[in-house]
Amino acid sequence: MSGSVDMNFLFTLGEVQRMMRAYADKQAARYGITRAQWAVLAKVERTEGLKQSELAEQMEMQPITLTRLIDRLCDAGWIERRSDASDRRVKRLYLKKAARPLLGKLGGLRSELTATALEGINPADAHRLLAQLEAIKENVRNAIQHPAGAPLGKEQQFG
């Protein structure tokens, strides 16, 4: 790869994300589901009983957009909304039994997508890459929480 990290980092990161989204969309269609629907199912699987409003915030999605996605998932028989015991206006999300086989297939698909993306990269390097991406994510999170000029703490090094 030629050019400086400064010139290529953000562009390459954005391109990888865009291409992975497009690839995931194409592959998820094999199961009659969109990547966005898959993301909702995966979040609900990890945190059943999540409030619809909390899910919208976590997914950085407008509530109306999420509502439409959830409507489709409910119509397909994969998710159900239940009223909150203490506040009937609040809707909590739960997987239906019919979603479990689909989530199993999607787990296999996730593994396929990952294997394709990491082809030719040895496992130790893949683990190192993931750790480095997590560090980048934390650096950016800190920069958002502590805007320019505020000390970030430990000094960061490349390499």
C-alpha atoms as a PDB file:
ATOM      1  CA  MET A   1       0.000   0.000   0.000  1.00  0.00           C
ATOM      2  CA  SER A   2       1.479   3.324  -1.011  1.00  0.00           C
ATOM      3  CA  GLY A   3       0.867   6.707   0.550  1.00  0.00           C
ATOM      4  CA  SER A   4       0.767   7.810   4.109  1.00  0.00           C
ATOM      5  CA  VAL A   5      -1.495   6.467   6.820  1.00  0.00           C
ATOM      6  CA  ASP A   6      -2.854  10.000   7.126  1.00  0.00           C
ATOM      7  CA  MET A   7      -3.932  10.021   3.475  1.00  0.00           C
ATOM      8  CA  ASN A   8      -5.360   6.484   3.345  1.00  0.00           C
ATOM      9  CA  PHE A   9      -6.638   5.450   6.779  1.00  0.00           C
ATOM     10  CA  LEU A  10     -10.094   7.061   6.824  1.00  0.00           C
ATOM     11  CA  PHE A  11     -10.764   6.342   3.154  1.00  0.00           C
ATOM     12  CA  THR A  12      -9.781   2.679   3.480  1.00  0.00           C
ATOM     13  CA  LEU A  13     -11.747   2.209   6.704  1.00  0.00           C
ATOM     14  CA  GLY A  14     -14.837   3.734   5.082  1.00  0.00           C
ATOM     15  CA  GLU A  15     -14.436   1.608   1.943  1.00  0.00           C
ATOM     16  CA  VAL A  16     -14.077  -1.588   3.994  1.00  0.00           C
ATOM     17  CA  GLN A  17     -17.240  -0.720   5.926  1.00  0.00           C
ATOM     18  CA  ARG A  18     -19.188   0.136   2.748  1.00  0.00           C
ATOM     19  CA  MET A  19     -18.084  -3.041   0.969  1.00  0.00           C
ATOM     20  CA  MET A  20     -18.811  -5.267   3.984  1.00  0.00           C
ATOM     21  CA  ARG A  21     -22.312  -3.751   4.268  1.00  0.00           C
ATOM     22  CA  ALA A  22     -22.970  -4.373   0.560  1.00  0.00           C
ATOM     23  CA  TYR A  23     -21.650  -7.944   0.814  1.00  0.00           C
ATOM     24  CA  ALA A  24     -23.686  -8.639   3.970  1.00  0.00           C
ATOM     25  CA  ASP A  25     -26.832  -7.228   2.298  1.00  0.00           C
ATOM     26  CA  LYS A  26     -26.332  -9.488  -0.717  1.00  0.00           C
ATOM     27  CA  GLN A  27     -25.701 -12.585   1.394  1.00  0.00           C
ATOM     28  CA  ALA A  28     -28.529 -11.916   3.900  1.00  0.00           C
ATOM     29  CA  ALA A  29     -30.959 -11.766   0.973  1.00  0.00           C
ATOM     30  CA  ARG A  30     -30.377 -15.538   0.577  1.00  0.00           C
ATOM     31  CA  TYR A  31     -32.452 -15.896   3.762  1.00  0.00           C
ATOM     32  CA  GLY A  32     -35.086 -13.327   2.781  1.00  0.00           C
ATOM     33  CA  ILE A  33     -33.829 -10.797   5.293  1.00  0.00           C
ATOM     34  CA  THR A  34     -32.070  -7.443   5.094  1.00  0.00           C
ATOM     35  CA  ARG A  35     -28.855  -6.575   6.918  1.00  0.00           C
ATOM     36  CA  ALA A  36     -30.820  -4.051   9.008  1.00  0.00           C
ATOM     37  CA  GLN A  37     -33.365  -6.702  10.012  1.00  0.00           C
ATOM     38  CA  TRP A  38     -30.507  -9.067  10.825  1.00  0.00           C
ATOM     39  CA  ALA A  39     -28.920  -6.409  13.042  1.00  0.00           C
ATOM     40  CA  VAL A  40     -32.194  -5.930  14.945  1.00  0.00           C
ATOM     41  CA  LEU A  41     -32.619  -9.684  15.440  1.00  0.00           C
ATOM     42  CA  ALA A  42     -29.030 -10.006  16.675  1.00  0.00           C
ATOM     43  CA  LYS A  43     -29.444  -7.131  19.176  1.00  0.00           C
ATOM     44  CA  VAL A  44     -32.715  -8.550  20.495  1.00  0.00           C
ATOM     45  CA  GLU A  45     -31.131 -12.008  20.765  1.00  0.00           C
ATOM     46  CA  ARG A  46     -28.312 -10.561  22.907  1.00  0.00           C
ATOM     47  CA  THR A  47     -30.642  -8.461  25.078  1.00  0.00           C
ATOM     48  CA  GLU A  48     -34.168  -9.839  25.142  1.00  0.00           C
ATOM     49  CA  GLY A  49     -36.644  -7.508  26.815  1.00  0.00           C
ATOM     50  CA  LEU A  50     -34.869  -4.445  25.461  1.00  0.00           C
ATOM     51  CA  LYS A  51     -37.079  -1.382  25.130  1.00  0.00           C
ATOM     52  CA  GLN A  52     -37.776  -0.347  21.562  1.00  0.00           C
ATOM     53  CA  SER A  53     -36.516   3.165  22.403  1.00  0.00           C
ATOM     54  CA  GLU A  54     -33.242   1.756  23.813  1.00  0.00           C
ATOM     55  CA  LEU A  55     -32.722  -0.301  20.680  1.00  0.00           C
ATOM     56  CA  ALA A  56     -33.238   2.758  18.465  1.00  0.00           C
ATOM     57  CA  GLU A  57     -30.605   4.624  20.480  1.00  0.00           C
ATOM     58  CA  GLN A  58     -28.123   1.714  20.396  1.00  0.00           C
ATOM     59  CA  MET A  59     -28.531   1.314  16.645  1.00  0.00           C
ATOM     60  CA  GLU A  60     -28.380   5.084  16.072  1.00  0.00           C
ATOM     61  CA  MET A  61     -31.640   4.834  14.175  1.00  0.00           C
ATOM     62  CA  GLN A  62     -34.686   7.088  14.056  1.00  0.00           C
ATOM     63  CA  PRO A  63     -37.510   5.524  16.131  1.00  0.00           C
ATOM     64  CA  ILE A  64     -39.909   5.557  13.148  1.00  0.00           C
ATOM     65  CA  THR A  65     -37.379   3.711  10.962  1.00  0.00           C
ATOM     66  CA  LEU A  66     -36.853   1.090  13.658  1.00  0.00           C
ATOM     67  CA  THR A  67     -40.616   0.781  14.183  1.00  0.00           C
ATOM     68  CA  ARG A  68     -41.054  -0.136  10.504  1.00  0.00           C
ATOM     69  CA  LEU A  69     -38.241  -2.708  10.718  1.00  0.00           C
ATOM     70  CA  ILE A  70     -39.751  -4.241  13.844  1.00  0.00           C
ATOM     71  CA  ASP A  71     -43.207  -4.281  12.222  1.00  0.00           C
ATOM     72  CA  ARG A  72     -41.767  -6.412   9.383  1.00  0.00           C
ATOM     73  CA  LEU A  73     -39.990  -8.710  11.854  1.00  0.00           C
ATOM     74  CA  CYS A  74     -43.224  -9.116  13.843  1.00  0.00           C
ATOM     75  CA  ASP A  75     -45.181  -9.827  10.630  1.00  0.00           C
ATOM     76  CA  ALA A  76     -42.606 -12.514   9.748  1.00  0.00           C
ATOM     77  CA  GLY A  77     -43.123 -14.106  13.189  1.00  0.00           C
ATOM     78  CA  TRP A  78     -39.562 -13.534  14.407  1.00  0.00           C
ATOM     79  CA  ILE A  79     -40.050 -10.868  17.085  1.00  0.00           C
ATOM     80  CA  GLU A  80     -42.850  -9.871  19.407  1.00  0.00           C
ATOM     81  CA  ARG A  81     -43.555  -6.678  21.302  1.00  0.00           C
ATOM     82  CA  ARG A  82     -44.739  -6.975  24.887  1.00  0.00           C
ATOM     83  CA  SER A  83     -45.997  -4.187  27.098  1.00  0.00           C
ATOM     84  CA  ASP A  84     -43.783  -3.271  30.029  1.00  0.00           C
ATOM     85  CA  ALA A  85     -45.221  -4.375  33.380  1.00  0.00           C
ATOM     86  CA  SER A  86     -44.764  -0.941  34.973  1.00  0.00           C
ATOM     87  CA  ASP A  87     -45.495   1.300  31.947  1.00  0.00           C
ATOM     88  CA  ARG A  88     -47.878  -0.009  29.303  1.00  0.00           C
ATOM     89  CA  ARG A  89     -46.738   2.662  26.822  1.00  0.00           C
ATOM     90  CA  VAL A  90     -43.293   1.050  26.760  1.00  0.00           C
ATOM     91  CA  LYS A  91     -42.796  -1.867  24.372  1.00  0.00           C
ATOM     92  CA  ARG A  92     -40.164  -4.502  25.069  1.00  0.00           C
ATOM     93  CA  LEU A  93     -38.832  -6.783  22.358  1.00  0.00           C
ATOM     94  CA  TYR A  94     -38.528 -10.561  22.506  1.00  0.00           C
ATOM     95  CA  LEU A  95     -37.533 -13.213  19.992  1.00  0.00           C
ATOM     96  CA  LYS A  96     -40.158 -15.719  18.959  1.00  0.00           C
ATOM     97  CA  LYS A  97     -39.261 -19.395  18.714  1.00  0.00           C
ATOM     98  CA  ALA A  98     -39.402 -19.208  14.892  1.00  0.00           C
ATOM     99  CA  ALA A  99     -36.414 -16.822  14.901  1.00  0.00           C
ATOM    100  CA  ARG A 100     -34.014 -19.329  16.478  1.00  0.00           C
ATOM    101  CA  PRO A 101     -33.383 -21.471  13.353  1.00  0.00           C
ATOM    102  CA  LEU A 102     -32.941 -18.306  11.255  1.00  0.00           C
ATOM    103  CA  LEU A 103     -30.456 -16.892  13.776  1.00  0.00           C
ATOM    104  CA  GLY A 104     -28.534 -20.170  13.633  1.00  0.00           C
ATOM    105  CA  LYS A 105     -28.266 -19.846   9.843  1.00  0.00           C
ATOM    106  CA  LEU A 106     -27.299 -16.180  10.162  1.00  0.00           C
ATOM    107  CA  GLY A 107     -24.575 -17.134  12.653  1.00  0.00           C
ATOM    108  CA  GLY A 108     -23.145 -19.421   9.983  1.00  0.00           C
ATOM    109  CA  LEU A 109     -23.442 -16.619   7.447  1.00  0.00           C
ATOM    110  CA  ARG A 110     -21.609 -14.239   9.809  1.00  0.00           C
ATOM    111  CA  SER A 111     -18.786 -16.784  10.003  1.00  0.00           C
ATOM    112  CA  GLU A 112     -18.723 -17.037   6.182  1.00  0.00           C
ATOM    113  CA  LEU A 113     -18.565 -13.236   5.809  1.00  0.00           C
ATOM    114  CA  THR A 114     -15.750 -13.028   8.348  1.00  0.00           C
ATOM    115  CA  ALA A 115     -13.804 -15.877   6.724  1.00  0.00           C
ATOM    116  CA  THR A 116     -14.121 -14.243   3.303  1.00  0.00           C
ATOM    117  CA  ALA A 117     -12.988 -10.849   4.628  1.00  0.00           C
ATOM    118  CA  LEU A 118     -10.031 -12.351   6.515  1.00  0.00           C
ATOM    119  CA  GLU A 119      -8.924 -14.767   3.777  1.00  0.00           C
ATOM    120  CA  GLY A 120      -5.126 -14.899   3.592  1.00  0.00           C
ATOM    121  CA  ILE A 121      -4.699 -13.254   7.009  1.00  0.00           C
ATOM    122  CA  ASN A 122      -3.327 -15.584   9.670  1.00  0.00           C
ATOM    123  CA  PRO A 123      -5.332 -15.954  12.899  1.00  0.00           C
ATOM    124  CA  ALA A 124      -2.747 -14.150  15.068  1.00  0.00           C
ATOM    125  CA  ASP A 125      -2.803 -11.148  12.715  1.00  0.00           C
ATOM    126  CA  ALA A 126      -6.613 -11.225  12.640  1.00  0.00           C
ATOM    127  CA  HIS A 127      -6.708 -11.108  16.466  1.00  0.00           C
ATOM    128  CA  ARG A 128      -4.177  -8.263  16.443  1.00  0.00           C
ATOM    129  CA  LEU A 129      -6.246  -6.390  13.833  1.00  0.00           C
ATOM    130  CA  LEU A 130      -9.387  -6.765  15.937  1.00  0.00           C
ATOM    131  CA  ALA A 131      -7.549  -5.534  19.058  1.00  0.00           C
ATOM    132  CA  GLN A 132      -6.220  -2.563  17.092  1.00  0.00           C
ATOM    133  CA  LEU A 133      -9.696  -1.718  15.758  1.00  0.00           C
ATOM    134  CA  GLU A 134     -11.026  -1.878  19.338  1.00  0.00           C
ATOM    135  CA  ALA A 135      -8.244   0.518  20.411  1.00  0.00           C
ATOM    136  CA  ILE A 136      -9.153   2.870  17.529  1.00  0.00           C
ATOM    137  CA  LYS A 137     -12.803   2.722  18.584  1.00  0.00           C
ATOM    138  CA  GLU A 138     -11.833   3.579  22.168  1.00  0.00           C
ATOM    139  CA  ASN A 139      -9.602   6.459  20.995  1.00  0.00           C
ATOM    140  CA  VAL A 140     -12.469   7.928  18.978  1.00  0.00           C
ATOM    141  CA  ARG A 141     -14.944   7.392  21.843  1.00  0.00           C
ATOM    142  CA  ASN A 142     -12.554   9.261  24.165  1.00  0.00           C
ATOM    143  CA  ALA A 143     -12.150  12.067  21.623  1.00  0.00           C
ATOM    144  CA  ILE A 144     -15.935  12.443  21.429  1.00  0.00           C
ATOM    145  CA  GLN A 145     -16.304  12.451  25.224  1.00  0.00           C
ATOM    146  CA  HIS A 146     -13.283  14.740  25.789  1.00  0.00           C
ATOM    147  CA  PRO A 147     -13.155  17.256  22.915  1.00  0.00           C
ATOM    148  CA  ALA A 148      -9.921  18.711  21.511  1.00  0.00           C
ATOM    149  CA  GLY A 149      -7.555  20.207  24.010  1.00  0.00           C
ATOM    150  CA  ALA A 150      -8.571  17.923  26.871  1.00  0.00           C
ATOM    151  CA  PRO A 151      -5.832  15.423  27.844  1.00  0.00           C
ATOM    152  CA  LEU A 152      -6.654  11.843  26.816  1.00  0.00           C
ATOM    153  CA  GLY A 153      -4.356  10.089  29.254  1.00  0.00           C
ATOM    154  CA  LYS A 154      -1.888   7.530  27.994  1.00  0.00           C
ATOM    155  CA  GLU A 155       0.137   8.352  24.912  1.00  0.00           C
ATOM    156  CA  GLN A 156      -0.786   6.439  21.745  1.00  0.00           C
ATOM    157  CA  GLN A 157       1.772   4.908  19.395  1.00  0.00           C
ATOM    158  CA  PHE A 158       1.413   3.486  15.884  1.00  0.00           C
ATOM    159  CA  GLY A 159       2.702   0.061  14.926  1.00  0.00           C
END
